Amino acid sequence: MSTSEIIPPVLDISLSVQTSPHARAKRKIAALMDEIEILKQDKAIKQRKTIYYVSQGRAICRIVALYTPIEDLIAENDRRCEDCGPSSSSTTVQDRLQHGYIELAKALPWLHDKLACLDHEESEDMLKKLKRGADSARGDDTGTLKELVASWVNIKCHPTALIRTDDKHHHGFVSDACGRLLCPAEWSWEDPVVRAGIRDRTIDFIVSENSWPSFMYENYQADANNLEYGLMKSRLLIMGFKAIFTSPSSANEVDGEGNGADIIENNRCARKRSDQARIRFALSSINSWRTVDGDFDYQIFWTSIVDFFEDAPGPAARTRANDLLEWWTRQVIDH
């Protein structure tokens, strides 16, 4: 047998086997259509994730933390996981952050596991979308209350010059109606010395976050001998809460005390972390949401409210805080 019969001829792969141009074009178009469909599916998935995360994030500023970044809550929980020995300790600030993380895990029960399985870039993207939803909800809430609170004050207080719902320049201590509600509970707005001192920001009448404003009290008046009596039982607070958590129209249904109900955990969290800071913002003369208004620090004010419920100093104070939450349940759930 000859060699030529044993070894097959070498094919020249540089030569193409001619096919129909029309057929080639059809195959290219089909391949491109497949790629486009895949891209559409990827885009749709990303859009669904974005919509989901943004919508879920709307709960954060309402029932988790009004100011604290989500990353700080996560970092504190991570710190505790890594430093969980018998000698480990924590500060008040760290305890507050961990309280916030626990509330975050309750509000978004899927988040804890999600953080464990996503890589860093995916986690960052998810948190960014959650924060977008949180910021959006806070903006919506403050915008809603800015108009509603002005109309409620007009109806309740009948000021000579009505409070405008679209302009806050004449809110705050410039207005007698708003000033009376913003005045620290231990002072009397009816006293001309107090009123002038507050408006002129004299050293003896600095309005800071260290005092409870009158609008937080039942009938907007405090007992000078017991500043906890009637605290956070204000009709204005209840109306603000219902406007945010149920609907603006439901705020008009607020009346007397209900017949009683079991504490609902999510509503407890919401009431502990809800609308006092937003109500004060609506009564103030500042136009945009910020942390400090003159001598008043909203973040410290909000923290004091949360600590009132979550860090009560002793069993008696905890009992009073729980009784107050039960009262809120009757007000909010039964009406």
C-alpha atoms as a PDB file:
ATOM      1  CA  MET A   1       0.000   0.000   0.000  1.00  0.00           C
ATOM      2  CA  SER A   2       1.365   3.395  -0.911  1.00  0.00           C
ATOM      3  CA  THR A   3       1.849   6.271   1.513  1.00  0.00           C
ATOM      4  CA  SER A   4      -0.703   8.390  -0.282  1.00  0.00           C
ATOM      5  CA  GLU A   5      -3.268   5.747   0.427  1.00  0.00           C
ATOM      6  CA  ILE A   6      -2.516   5.760   4.230  1.00  0.00           C
ATOM      7  CA  ILE A   7      -2.311   9.527   5.013  1.00  0.00           C
ATOM      8  CA  PRO A   8      -5.451  11.557   4.165  1.00  0.00           C
ATOM      9  CA  PRO A   9      -4.967  14.823   2.362  1.00  0.00           C
ATOM     10  CA  VAL A  10      -4.574  17.982   4.508  1.00  0.00           C
ATOM     11  CA  LEU A  11      -7.584  20.317   4.222  1.00  0.00           C
ATOM     12  CA  ASP A  12      -6.970  24.003   3.611  1.00  0.00           C
ATOM     13  CA  ILE A  13      -8.961  25.620   6.451  1.00  0.00           C
ATOM     14  CA  SER A  14      -8.337  29.065   5.021  1.00  0.00           C
ATOM     15  CA  LEU A  15     -10.844  28.230   2.330  1.00  0.00           C
ATOM     16  CA  SER A  16     -14.485  28.954   3.186  1.00  0.00           C
ATOM     17  CA  VAL A  17     -17.408  26.866   2.097  1.00  0.00           C
ATOM     18  CA  GLN A  18     -19.690  29.307   0.399  1.00  0.00           C
ATOM     19  CA  THR A  19     -23.230  29.719   1.760  1.00  0.00           C
ATOM     20  CA  SER A  20     -26.105  31.925   0.838  1.00  0.00           C
ATOM     21  CA  PRO A  21     -25.668  35.605   1.962  1.00  0.00           C
ATOM     22  CA  HIS A  22     -29.352  35.661   2.794  1.00  0.00           C
ATOM     23  CA  ALA A  23     -29.017  32.650   5.084  1.00  0.00           C
ATOM     24  CA  ARG A  24     -25.983  34.151   6.807  1.00  0.00           C
ATOM     25  CA  ALA A  25     -27.861  37.408   7.409  1.00  0.00           C
ATOM     26  CA  LYS A  26     -30.813  35.535   8.873  1.00  0.00           C
ATOM     27  CA  ARG A  27     -28.542  33.667  11.293  1.00  0.00           C
ATOM     28  CA  LYS A  28     -26.827  36.910  12.367  1.00  0.00           C
ATOM     29  CA  ILE A  29     -30.171  38.559  12.962  1.00  0.00           C
ATOM     30  CA  ALA A  30     -31.376  35.569  14.990  1.00  0.00           C
ATOM     31  CA  ALA A  31     -28.210  35.633  17.132  1.00  0.00           C
ATOM     32  CA  LEU A  32     -28.580  39.367  17.719  1.00  0.00           C
ATOM     33  CA  MET A  33     -32.233  38.934  18.641  1.00  0.00           C
ATOM     34  CA  ASP A  34     -31.245  36.300  21.203  1.00  0.00           C
ATOM     35  CA  GLU A  35     -28.692  38.696  22.690  1.00  0.00           C
ATOM     36  CA  ILE A  36     -31.246  41.503  22.825  1.00  0.00           C
ATOM     37  CA  GLU A  37     -33.743  39.226  24.549  1.00  0.00           C
ATOM     38  CA  ILE A  38     -31.159  38.257  27.150  1.00  0.00           C
ATOM     39  CA  LEU A  39     -30.328  41.931  27.728  1.00  0.00           C
ATOM     40  CA  LYS A  40     -34.027  42.729  28.084  1.00  0.00           C
ATOM     41  CA  GLN A  41     -34.446  39.972  30.626  1.00  0.00           C
ATOM     42  CA  ASP A  42     -31.412  41.196  32.586  1.00  0.00           C
ATOM     43  CA  LYS A  43     -32.746  44.750  32.501  1.00  0.00           C
ATOM     44  CA  ALA A  44     -36.185  43.604  33.639  1.00  0.00           C
ATOM     45  CA  ILE A  45     -34.657  41.667  36.519  1.00  0.00           C
ATOM     46  CA  LYS A  46     -32.597  44.698  37.552  1.00  0.00           C
ATOM     47  CA  GLN A  47     -35.662  46.923  37.333  1.00  0.00           C
ATOM     48  CA  ARG A  48     -37.696  44.530  39.476  1.00  0.00           C
ATOM     49  CA  LYS A  49     -34.895  44.418  42.051  1.00  0.00           C
ATOM     50  CA  THR A  50     -34.648  48.208  42.052  1.00  0.00           C
ATOM     51  CA  ILE A  51     -38.394  48.641  42.510  1.00  0.00           C
ATOM     52  CA  TYR A  52     -38.447  46.029  45.270  1.00  0.00           C
ATOM     53  CA  TYR A  53     -35.482  47.445  47.218  1.00  0.00           C
ATOM     54  CA  VAL A  54     -36.671  51.043  46.888  1.00  0.00           C
ATOM     55  CA  SER A  55     -40.172  50.125  48.060  1.00  0.00           C
ATOM     56  CA  GLN A  56     -38.787  48.098  50.970  1.00  0.00           C
ATOM     57  CA  GLY A  57     -36.497  50.971  51.928  1.00  0.00           C
ATOM     58  CA  ARG A  58     -39.471  53.265  52.533  1.00  0.00           C
ATOM     59  CA  ALA A  59     -40.006  51.614  55.915  1.00  0.00           C
ATOM     60  CA  ILE A  60     -36.537  52.434  57.240  1.00  0.00           C
ATOM     61  CA  CYS A  61     -36.967  56.102  58.249  1.00  0.00           C
ATOM     62  CA  ARG A  62     -40.432  55.374  59.596  1.00  0.00           C
ATOM     63  CA  ILE A  63     -39.829  52.455  61.951  1.00  0.00           C
ATOM     64  CA  VAL A  64     -36.066  51.830  62.090  1.00  0.00           C
ATOM     65  CA  ALA A  65     -33.893  54.945  62.180  1.00  0.00           C
ATOM     66  CA  LEU A  66     -34.651  58.489  61.118  1.00  0.00           C
ATOM     67  CA  TYR A  67     -31.025  59.593  60.873  1.00  0.00           C
ATOM     68  CA  THR A  68     -28.592  56.693  61.365  1.00  0.00           C
ATOM     69  CA  PRO A  69     -27.115  55.288  58.123  1.00  0.00           C
ATOM     70  CA  ILE A  70     -27.960  51.640  57.472  1.00  0.00           C
ATOM     71  CA  GLU A  71     -24.248  50.872  57.134  1.00  0.00           C
ATOM     72  CA  ASP A  72     -23.654  51.930  60.751  1.00  0.00           C
ATOM     73  CA  LEU A  73     -26.342  49.533  61.994  1.00  0.00           C
ATOM     74  CA  ILE A  74     -24.856  46.667  59.978  1.00  0.00           C
ATOM     75  CA  ALA A  75     -21.318  47.505  61.111  1.00  0.00           C
ATOM     76  CA  GLU A  76     -22.346  47.408  64.773  1.00  0.00           C
ATOM     77  CA  ASN A  77     -23.983  44.005  64.375  1.00  0.00           C
ATOM     78  CA  ASP A  78     -20.835  42.745  62.618  1.00  0.00           C
ATOM     79  CA  ARG A  79     -18.706  44.112  65.468  1.00  0.00           C
ATOM     80  CA  ARG A  80     -20.764  42.209  68.011  1.00  0.00           C
ATOM     81  CA  CYS A  81     -20.487  39.009  65.993  1.00  0.00           C
ATOM     82  CA  GLU A  82     -16.697  39.315  65.967  1.00  0.00           C
ATOM     83  CA  ASP A  83     -16.346  40.518  69.563  1.00  0.00           C
ATOM     84  CA  CYS A  84     -18.742  38.289  71.488  1.00  0.00           C
ATOM     85  CA  GLY A  85     -16.446  37.075  74.277  1.00  0.00           C
ATOM     86  CA  PRO A  86     -17.318  37.221  78.005  1.00  0.00           C
ATOM     87  CA  SER A  87     -15.255  40.396  78.453  1.00  0.00           C
ATOM     88  CA  SER A  88     -16.874  42.267  75.570  1.00  0.00           C
ATOM     89  CA  SER A  89     -18.716  45.470  76.397  1.00  0.00           C
ATOM     90  CA  SER A  90     -20.616  48.164  74.567  1.00  0.00           C
ATOM     91  CA  THR A  91     -21.362  51.842  74.914  1.00  0.00           C
ATOM     92  CA  THR A  92     -24.763  53.498  74.984  1.00  0.00           C
ATOM     93  CA  VAL A  93     -24.282  54.602  71.389  1.00  0.00           C
ATOM     94  CA  GLN A  94     -23.383  51.054  70.317  1.00  0.00           C
ATOM     95  CA  ASP A  95     -26.413  49.651  72.154  1.00  0.00           C
ATOM     96  CA  ARG A  96     -28.588  52.189  70.359  1.00  0.00           C
ATOM     97  CA  LEU A  97     -27.140  51.100  67.011  1.00  0.00           C
ATOM     98  CA  GLN A  98     -27.811  47.449  67.820  1.00  0.00           C
ATOM     99  CA  HIS A  99     -31.397  48.262  68.772  1.00  0.00           C
ATOM    100  CA  GLY A 100     -31.650  49.859  65.350  1.00  0.00           C
ATOM    101  CA  TYR A 101     -30.236  46.787  63.609  1.00  0.00           C
ATOM    102  CA  ILE A 102     -32.730  44.535  65.394  1.00  0.00           C
ATOM    103  CA  GLU A 103     -35.590  46.785  64.278  1.00  0.00           C
ATOM    104  CA  LEU A 104     -34.124  46.768  60.755  1.00  0.00           C
ATOM    105  CA  ALA A 105     -34.122  42.954  60.754  1.00  0.00           C
ATOM    106  CA  LYS A 106     -37.753  42.976  61.912  1.00  0.00           C
ATOM    107  CA  ALA A 107     -38.818  45.488  59.286  1.00  0.00           C
ATOM    108  CA  LEU A 108     -36.896  43.722  56.488  1.00  0.00           C
ATOM    109  CA  PRO A 109     -36.648  40.074  57.633  1.00  0.00           C
ATOM    110  CA  TRP A 110     -34.961  38.995  54.380  1.00  0.00           C
ATOM    111  CA  LEU A 111     -32.104  41.500  54.700  1.00  0.00           C
ATOM    112  CA  HIS A 112     -29.936  39.612  57.205  1.00  0.00           C
ATOM    113  CA  ASP A 113     -29.643  36.514  54.978  1.00  0.00           C
ATOM    114  CA  LYS A 114     -29.262  38.645  51.857  1.00  0.00           C
ATOM    115  CA  LEU A 115     -26.230  40.413  53.292  1.00  0.00           C
ATOM    116  CA  ALA A 116     -24.614  37.032  53.946  1.00  0.00           C
ATOM    117  CA  CYS A 117     -24.910  35.778  50.353  1.00  0.00           C
ATOM    118  CA  LEU A 118     -24.243  38.897  48.272  1.00  0.00           C
ATOM    119  CA  ASP A 119     -20.768  40.059  47.345  1.00  0.00           C
ATOM    120  CA  HIS A 120     -19.583  43.540  48.361  1.00  0.00           C
ATOM    121  CA  GLU A 121     -20.586  45.252  45.125  1.00  0.00           C
ATOM    122  CA  GLU A 122     -24.076  43.714  45.153  1.00  0.00           C
ATOM    123  CA  SER A 123     -24.549  44.625  48.810  1.00  0.00           C
ATOM    124  CA  GLU A 124     -23.530  48.215  48.137  1.00  0.00           C
ATOM    125  CA  ASP A 125     -25.991  48.426  45.273  1.00  0.00           C
ATOM    126  CA  MET A 126     -28.796  46.979  47.406  1.00  0.00           C
ATOM    127  CA  LEU A 127     -28.131  49.375  50.295  1.00  0.00           C
ATOM    128  CA  LYS A 128     -28.015  52.299  47.894  1.00  0.00           C
ATOM    129  CA  LYS A 129     -31.494  51.429  46.618  1.00  0.00           C
ATOM    130  CA  LEU A 130     -32.833  50.920  50.147  1.00  0.00           C
ATOM    131  CA  LYS A 131     -31.546  54.359  51.134  1.00  0.00           C
ATOM    132  CA  ARG A 132     -33.160  55.869  48.054  1.00  0.00           C
ATOM    133  CA  GLY A 133     -36.495  54.481  49.210  1.00  0.00           C
ATOM    134  CA  ALA A 134     -35.925  55.715  52.770  1.00  0.00           C
ATOM    135  CA  ASP A 135     -35.079  59.236  51.605  1.00  0.00           C
ATOM    136  CA  SER A 136     -38.066  59.259  49.280  1.00  0.00           C
ATOM    137  CA  ALA A 137     -40.471  58.240  52.053  1.00  0.00           C
ATOM    138  CA  ARG A 138     -39.069  60.829  54.445  1.00  0.00           C
ATOM    139  CA  GLY A 139     -39.494  63.512  51.795  1.00  0.00           C
ATOM    140  CA  ASP A 140     -43.075  62.413  51.133  1.00  0.00           C
ATOM    141  CA  ASP A 141     -43.902  62.349  54.845  1.00  0.00           C
ATOM    142  CA  THR A 142     -42.469  65.770  55.621  1.00  0.00           C
ATOM    143  CA  GLY A 143     -44.175  67.236  52.556  1.00  0.00           C
ATOM    144  CA  THR A 144     -47.512  65.747  53.586  1.00  0.00           C
ATOM    145  CA  LEU A 145     -47.265  66.902  57.195  1.00  0.00           C
ATOM    146  CA  LYS A 146     -46.046  70.357  56.213  1.00  0.00           C
ATOM    147  CA  GLU A 147     -49.442  71.032  54.648  1.00  0.00           C
ATOM    148  CA  LEU A 148     -51.619  69.015  57.012  1.00  0.00           C
ATOM    149  CA  VAL A 149     -50.175  70.387  60.259  1.00  0.00           C
ATOM    150  CA  ALA A 150     -50.666  73.952  59.063  1.00  0.00           C
ATOM    151  CA  SER A 151     -54.329  73.258  58.320  1.00  0.00           C
ATOM    152  CA  TRP A 152     -54.810  71.473  61.674  1.00  0.00           C
ATOM    153  CA  VAL A 153     -53.306  74.408  63.569  1.00  0.00           C
ATOM    154  CA  ASN A 154     -55.628  76.802  61.729  1.00  0.00           C
ATOM    155  CA  ILE A 155     -58.659  74.717  62.703  1.00  0.00           C
ATOM    156  CA  LYS A 156     -57.564  74.138  66.314  1.00  0.00           C
ATOM    157  CA  CYS A 157     -56.047  77.493  67.241  1.00  0.00           C
ATOM    158  CA  HIS A 158     -57.943  79.915  64.987  1.00  0.00           C
ATOM    159  CA  PRO A 159     -54.958  82.263  64.572  1.00  0.00           C
ATOM    160  CA  THR A 160     -55.718  85.830  63.495  1.00  0.00           C
ATOM    161  CA  ALA A 161     -53.341  85.377  60.569  1.00  0.00           C
ATOM    162  CA  LEU A 162     -53.932  81.885  59.192  1.00  0.00           C
ATOM    163  CA  ILE A 163     -50.912  79.603  58.837  1.00  0.00           C
ATOM    164  CA  ARG A 164     -50.161  79.157  55.167  1.00  0.00           C
ATOM    165  CA  THR A 165     -49.865  75.586  53.977  1.00  0.00           C
ATOM    166  CA  ASP A 166     -47.521  76.487  51.105  1.00  0.00           C
ATOM    167  CA  ASP A 167     -45.125  78.887  52.839  1.00  0.00           C
ATOM    168  CA  LYS A 168     -43.281  78.239  56.101  1.00  0.00           C
ATOM    169  CA  HIS A 169     -41.699  81.668  56.533  1.00  0.00           C
ATOM    170  CA  HIS A 170     -44.454  82.671  58.974  1.00  0.00           C
ATOM    171  CA  HIS A 171     -44.430  79.414  60.911  1.00  0.00           C
ATOM    172  CA  GLY A 172     -42.206  78.804  63.936  1.00  0.00           C
ATOM    173  CA  PHE A 173     -41.954  81.301  66.785  1.00  0.00           C
ATOM    174  CA  VAL A 174     -42.979  84.165  64.517  1.00  0.00           C
ATOM    175  CA  SER A 175     -46.497  82.741  64.712  1.00  0.00           C
ATOM    176  CA  ASP A 176     -48.293  82.796  68.064  1.00  0.00           C
ATOM    177  CA  ALA A 177     -50.126  79.580  67.177  1.00  0.00           C
ATOM    178  CA  CYS A 178     -46.991  77.657  66.186  1.00  0.00           C
ATOM    179  CA  GLY A 179     -44.908  79.289  68.922  1.00  0.00           C
ATOM    180  CA  ARG A 180     -47.345  78.129  71.599  1.00  0.00           C
ATOM    181  CA  LEU A 181     -47.006  74.534  70.380  1.00  0.00           C
ATOM    182  CA  LEU A 182     -43.210  74.693  69.976  1.00  0.00           C
ATOM    183  CA  CYS A 183     -42.619  76.368  73.338  1.00  0.00           C
ATOM    184  CA  PRO A 184     -40.775  74.138  75.853  1.00  0.00           C
ATOM    185  CA  ALA A 185     -43.291  72.594  78.221  1.00  0.00           C
ATOM    186  CA  GLU A 186     -41.730  74.094  81.358  1.00  0.00           C
ATOM    187  CA  TRP A 187     -42.314  77.656  80.094  1.00  0.00           C
ATOM    188  CA  SER A 188     -45.522  79.562  79.428  1.00  0.00           C
ATOM    189  CA  TRP A 189     -45.884  81.071  75.976  1.00  0.00           C
ATOM    190  CA  GLU A 190     -48.504  83.431  77.412  1.00  0.00           C
ATOM    191  CA  ASP A 191     -45.789  85.152  79.470  1.00  0.00           C
ATOM    192  CA  PRO A 192     -44.611  88.105  77.347  1.00  0.00           C
ATOM    193  CA  VAL A 193     -41.103  87.854  78.825  1.00  0.00           C
ATOM    194  CA  VAL A 194     -40.843  84.224  77.781  1.00  0.00           C
ATOM    195  CA  ARG A 195     -42.300  84.913  74.351  1.00  0.00           C
ATOM    196  CA  ALA A 196     -39.926  87.825  73.690  1.00  0.00           C
ATOM    197  CA  GLY A 197     -36.945  85.891  75.048  1.00  0.00           C
ATOM    198  CA  ILE A 198     -37.606  82.927  72.795  1.00  0.00           C
ATOM    199  CA  ARG A 199     -38.053  85.085  69.726  1.00  0.00           C
ATOM    200  CA  ASP A 200     -34.902  87.081  70.478  1.00  0.00           C
ATOM    201  CA  ARG A 201     -32.988  83.884  71.418  1.00  0.00           C
ATOM    202  CA  THR A 202     -31.752  85.391  74.680  1.00  0.00           C
ATOM    203  CA  ILE A 203     -29.479  83.289  76.847  1.00  0.00           C
ATOM    204  CA  ASP A 204     -32.264  82.567  79.374  1.00  0.00           C
ATOM    205  CA  PHE A 205     -34.685  81.279  76.762  1.00  0.00           C
ATOM    206  CA  ILE A 206     -32.731  79.056  74.410  1.00  0.00           C
ATOM    207  CA  VAL A 207     -35.025  76.481  72.831  1.00  0.00           C
ATOM    208  CA  SER A 208     -33.054  73.245  72.497  1.00  0.00           C
ATOM    209  CA  GLU A 209     -33.693  69.555  72.097  1.00  0.00           C
ATOM    210  CA  ASN A 210     -33.327  69.075  75.874  1.00  0.00           C
ATOM    211  CA  SER A 211     -36.939  70.134  76.514  1.00  0.00           C
ATOM    212  CA  TRP A 212     -40.169  68.503  75.412  1.00  0.00           C
ATOM    213  CA  PRO A 213     -42.231  70.902  73.234  1.00  0.00           C
ATOM    214  CA  SER A 214     -45.806  71.628  74.301  1.00  0.00           C
ATOM    215  CA  PHE A 215     -47.261  70.010  71.162  1.00  0.00           C
ATOM    216  CA  MET A 216     -46.252  66.604  72.559  1.00  0.00           C
ATOM    217  CA  TYR A 217     -48.623  66.883  75.544  1.00  0.00           C
ATOM    218  CA  GLU A 218     -52.271  66.076  76.018  1.00  0.00           C
ATOM    219  CA  ASN A 219     -54.223  69.279  75.402  1.00  0.00           C
ATOM    220  CA  TYR A 220     -50.817  70.858  74.590  1.00  0.00           C
ATOM    221  CA  GLN A 221     -50.202  71.672  78.255  1.00  0.00           C
ATOM    222  CA  ALA A 222     -47.754  70.140  80.719  1.00  0.00           C
ATOM    223  CA  ASP A 223     -47.877  69.742  84.490  1.00  0.00           C
ATOM    224  CA  ALA A 224     -44.927  71.768  85.801  1.00  0.00           C
ATOM    225  CA  ASN A 225     -44.676  69.385  88.776  1.00  0.00           C
ATOM    226  CA  ASN A 226     -44.696  66.244  86.628  1.00  0.00           C
ATOM    227  CA  LEU A 227     -43.413  66.791  83.105  1.00  0.00           C
ATOM    228  CA  GLU A 228     -44.061  63.155  82.184  1.00  0.00           C
ATOM    229  CA  TYR A 229     -47.788  63.437  82.816  1.00  0.00           C
ATOM    230  CA  GLY A 230     -49.657  63.616  79.504  1.00  0.00           C
ATOM    231  CA  LEU A 231     -46.417  63.388  77.521  1.00  0.00           C
ATOM    232  CA  MET A 232     -46.836  61.984  73.974  1.00  0.00           C
ATOM    233  CA  LYS A 233     -50.629  61.943  74.314  1.00  0.00           C
ATOM    234  CA  SER A 234     -51.125  64.880  72.005  1.00  0.00           C
ATOM    235  CA  ARG A 235     -53.950  64.777  69.500  1.00  0.00           C
ATOM    236  CA  LEU A 236     -51.577  66.395  67.007  1.00  0.00           C
ATOM    237  CA  LEU A 237     -49.130  63.495  67.344  1.00  0.00           C
ATOM    238  CA  ILE A 238     -51.859  60.920  66.832  1.00  0.00           C
ATOM    239  CA  MET A 239     -53.123  62.733  63.754  1.00  0.00           C
ATOM    240  CA  GLY A 240     -49.578  62.948  62.393  1.00  0.00           C
ATOM    241  CA  PHE A 241     -49.001  59.256  63.020  1.00  0.00           C
ATOM    242  CA  LYS A 242     -52.213  58.247  61.252  1.00  0.00           C
ATOM    243  CA  ALA A 243     -51.483  60.562  58.343  1.00  0.00           C
ATOM    244  CA  ILE A 244     -48.138  58.784  57.790  1.00  0.00           C
ATOM    245  CA  PHE A 245     -48.973  55.165  58.631  1.00  0.00           C
ATOM    246  CA  THR A 246     -52.568  54.825  57.461  1.00  0.00           C
ATOM    247  CA  SER A 247     -53.731  57.743  55.299  1.00  0.00           C
ATOM    248  CA  PRO A 248     -54.048  61.533  55.534  1.00  0.00           C
ATOM    249  CA  SER A 249     -57.839  61.247  55.591  1.00  0.00           C
ATOM    250  CA  SER A 250     -57.759  58.844  58.567  1.00  0.00           C
ATOM    251  CA  ALA A 251     -56.116  61.556  60.684  1.00  0.00           C
ATOM    252  CA  ASN A 252     -59.483  63.302  60.914  1.00  0.00           C
ATOM    253  CA  GLU A 253     -60.966  60.255  62.642  1.00  0.00           C
ATOM    254  CA  VAL A 254     -58.987  60.835  65.851  1.00  0.00           C
ATOM    255  CA  ASP A 255     -61.192  61.220  68.911  1.00  0.00           C
ATOM    256  CA  GLY A 256     -61.329  59.796  72.410  1.00  0.00           C
ATOM    257  CA  GLU A 257     -59.752  56.664  73.871  1.00  0.00           C
ATOM    258  CA  GLY A 258     -60.721  53.305  72.440  1.00  0.00           C
ATOM    259  CA  ASN A 259     -61.863  50.115  74.116  1.00  0.00           C
ATOM    260  CA  GLY A 260     -58.448  48.447  74.215  1.00  0.00           C
ATOM    261  CA  ALA A 261     -56.458  46.086  72.048  1.00  0.00           C
ATOM    262  CA  ASP A 262     -53.416  43.848  72.150  1.00  0.00           C
ATOM    263  CA  ILE A 263     -50.079  45.454  71.400  1.00  0.00           C
ATOM    264  CA  ILE A 264     -49.117  44.845  67.793  1.00  0.00           C
ATOM    265  CA  GLU A 265     -45.355  44.655  67.563  1.00  0.00           C
ATOM    266  CA  ASN A 266     -44.861  46.511  64.303  1.00  0.00           C
ATOM    267  CA  ASN A 267     -47.041  49.343  65.511  1.00  0.00           C
ATOM    268  CA  ARG A 268     -45.084  49.518  68.758  1.00  0.00           C
ATOM    269  CA  CYS A 269     -41.907  50.012  66.759  1.00  0.00           C
ATOM    270  CA  ALA A 270     -43.532  52.619  64.571  1.00  0.00           C
ATOM    271  CA  ARG A 271     -44.856  54.602  67.501  1.00  0.00           C
ATOM    272  CA  LYS A 272     -41.498  54.556  69.217  1.00  0.00           C
ATOM    273  CA  ARG A 273     -39.785  55.857  66.112  1.00  0.00           C
ATOM    274  CA  SER A 274     -42.436  57.812  64.286  1.00  0.00           C
ATOM    275  CA  ASP A 275     -43.525  61.371  63.827  1.00  0.00           C
ATOM    276  CA  GLN A 276     -42.536  63.723  66.657  1.00  0.00           C
ATOM    277  CA  ALA A 277     -39.532  65.136  64.795  1.00  0.00           C
ATOM    278  CA  ARG A 278     -41.573  65.543  61.615  1.00  0.00           C
ATOM    279  CA  ILE A 279     -44.363  67.351  63.483  1.00  0.00           C
ATOM    280  CA  ARG A 280     -41.863  69.802  64.932  1.00  0.00           C
ATOM    281  CA  PHE A 281     -40.379  70.337  61.476  1.00  0.00           C
ATOM    282  CA  ALA A 282     -43.857  71.085  60.122  1.00  0.00           C
ATOM    283  CA  LEU A 283     -44.452  73.673  62.866  1.00  0.00           C
ATOM    284  CA  SER A 284     -41.035  75.284  62.403  1.00  0.00           C
ATOM    285  CA  SER A 285     -40.118  77.938  59.859  1.00  0.00           C
ATOM    286  CA  ILE A 286     -37.357  75.975  58.112  1.00  0.00           C
ATOM    287  CA  ASN A 287     -38.156  75.010  54.524  1.00  0.00           C
ATOM    288  CA  SER A 288     -35.950  71.949  54.031  1.00  0.00           C
ATOM    289  CA  TRP A 289     -35.264  68.942  56.224  1.00  0.00           C
ATOM    290  CA  ARG A 290     -32.022  69.261  58.163  1.00  0.00           C
ATOM    291  CA  THR A 291     -30.514  68.121  61.438  1.00  0.00           C
ATOM    292  CA  VAL A 292     -30.127  71.464  63.235  1.00  0.00           C
ATOM    293  CA  ASP A 293     -32.622  74.325  63.425  1.00  0.00           C
ATOM    294  CA  GLY A 294     -31.087  77.213  65.357  1.00  0.00           C
ATOM    295  CA  ASP A 295     -30.281  75.769  68.797  1.00  0.00           C
ATOM    296  CA  PHE A 296     -32.454  72.708  68.259  1.00  0.00           C
ATOM    297  CA  ASP A 297     -30.820  69.432  67.197  1.00  0.00           C
ATOM    298  CA  TYR A 298     -33.419  67.118  65.652  1.00  0.00           C
ATOM    299  CA  GLN A 299     -31.181  64.060  65.786  1.00  0.00           C
ATOM    300  CA  ILE A 300     -30.644  64.341  69.551  1.00  0.00           C
ATOM    301  CA  PHE A 301     -34.367  65.069  69.983  1.00  0.00           C
ATOM    302  CA  TRP A 302     -35.295  61.938  68.028  1.00  0.00           C
ATOM    303  CA  THR A 303     -32.756  59.859  69.971  1.00  0.00           C
ATOM    304  CA  SER A 304     -34.257  61.064  73.266  1.00  0.00           C
ATOM    305  CA  ILE A 305     -37.689  59.885  72.136  1.00  0.00           C
ATOM    306  CA  VAL A 306     -36.380  56.430  71.178  1.00  0.00           C
ATOM    307  CA  ASP A 307     -34.442  56.155  74.464  1.00  0.00           C
ATOM    308  CA  PHE A 308     -37.613  57.087  76.381  1.00  0.00           C
ATOM    309  CA  PHE A 309     -39.060  53.746  75.274  1.00  0.00           C
ATOM    310  CA  GLU A 310     -36.041  51.534  74.672  1.00  0.00           C
ATOM    311  CA  ASP A 311     -33.710  52.630  77.477  1.00  0.00           C
ATOM    312  CA  ALA A 312     -36.108  53.434  80.293  1.00  0.00           C
ATOM    313  CA  PRO A 313     -34.243  53.905  83.619  1.00  0.00           C
ATOM    314  CA  GLY A 314     -35.728  51.128  85.728  1.00  0.00           C
ATOM    315  CA  PRO A 315     -38.787  48.853  85.951  1.00  0.00           C
ATOM    316  CA  ALA A 316     -41.241  51.630  86.899  1.00  0.00           C
ATOM    317  CA  ALA A 317     -40.217  53.760  83.908  1.00  0.00           C
ATOM    318  CA  ARG A 318     -40.445  50.726  81.602  1.00  0.00           C
ATOM    319  CA  THR A 319     -43.954  50.008  82.879  1.00  0.00           C
ATOM    320  CA  ARG A 320     -45.017  53.589  82.196  1.00  0.00           C
ATOM    321  CA  ALA A 321     -43.517  53.417  78.704  1.00  0.00           C
ATOM    322  CA  ASN A 322     -45.370  50.175  77.949  1.00  0.00           C
ATOM    323  CA  ASP A 323     -48.604  51.643  79.317  1.00  0.00           C
ATOM    324  CA  LEU A 324     -48.120  54.585  76.973  1.00  0.00           C
ATOM    325  CA  LEU A 325     -47.674  52.223  74.008  1.00  0.00           C
ATOM    326  CA  GLU A 326     -50.862  50.402  74.989  1.00  0.00           C
ATOM    327  CA  TRP A 327     -52.663  53.752  75.089  1.00  0.00           C
ATOM    328  CA  TRP A 328     -51.351  54.478  71.594  1.00  0.00           C
ATOM    329  CA  THR A 329     -52.581  51.104  70.397  1.00  0.00           C
ATOM    330  CA  ARG A 330     -56.085  51.949  71.566  1.00  0.00           C
ATOM    331  CA  GLN A 331     -55.887  55.328  69.857  1.00  0.00           C
ATOM    332  CA  VAL A 332     -54.435  54.143  66.553  1.00  0.00           C
ATOM    333  CA  ILE A 333     -55.822  50.626  66.086  1.00  0.00           C
ATOM    334  CA  ASP A 334     -59.300  50.992  67.556  1.00  0.00           C
ATOM    335  CA  HIS A 335     -60.252  54.109  65.617  1.00  0.00           C
END
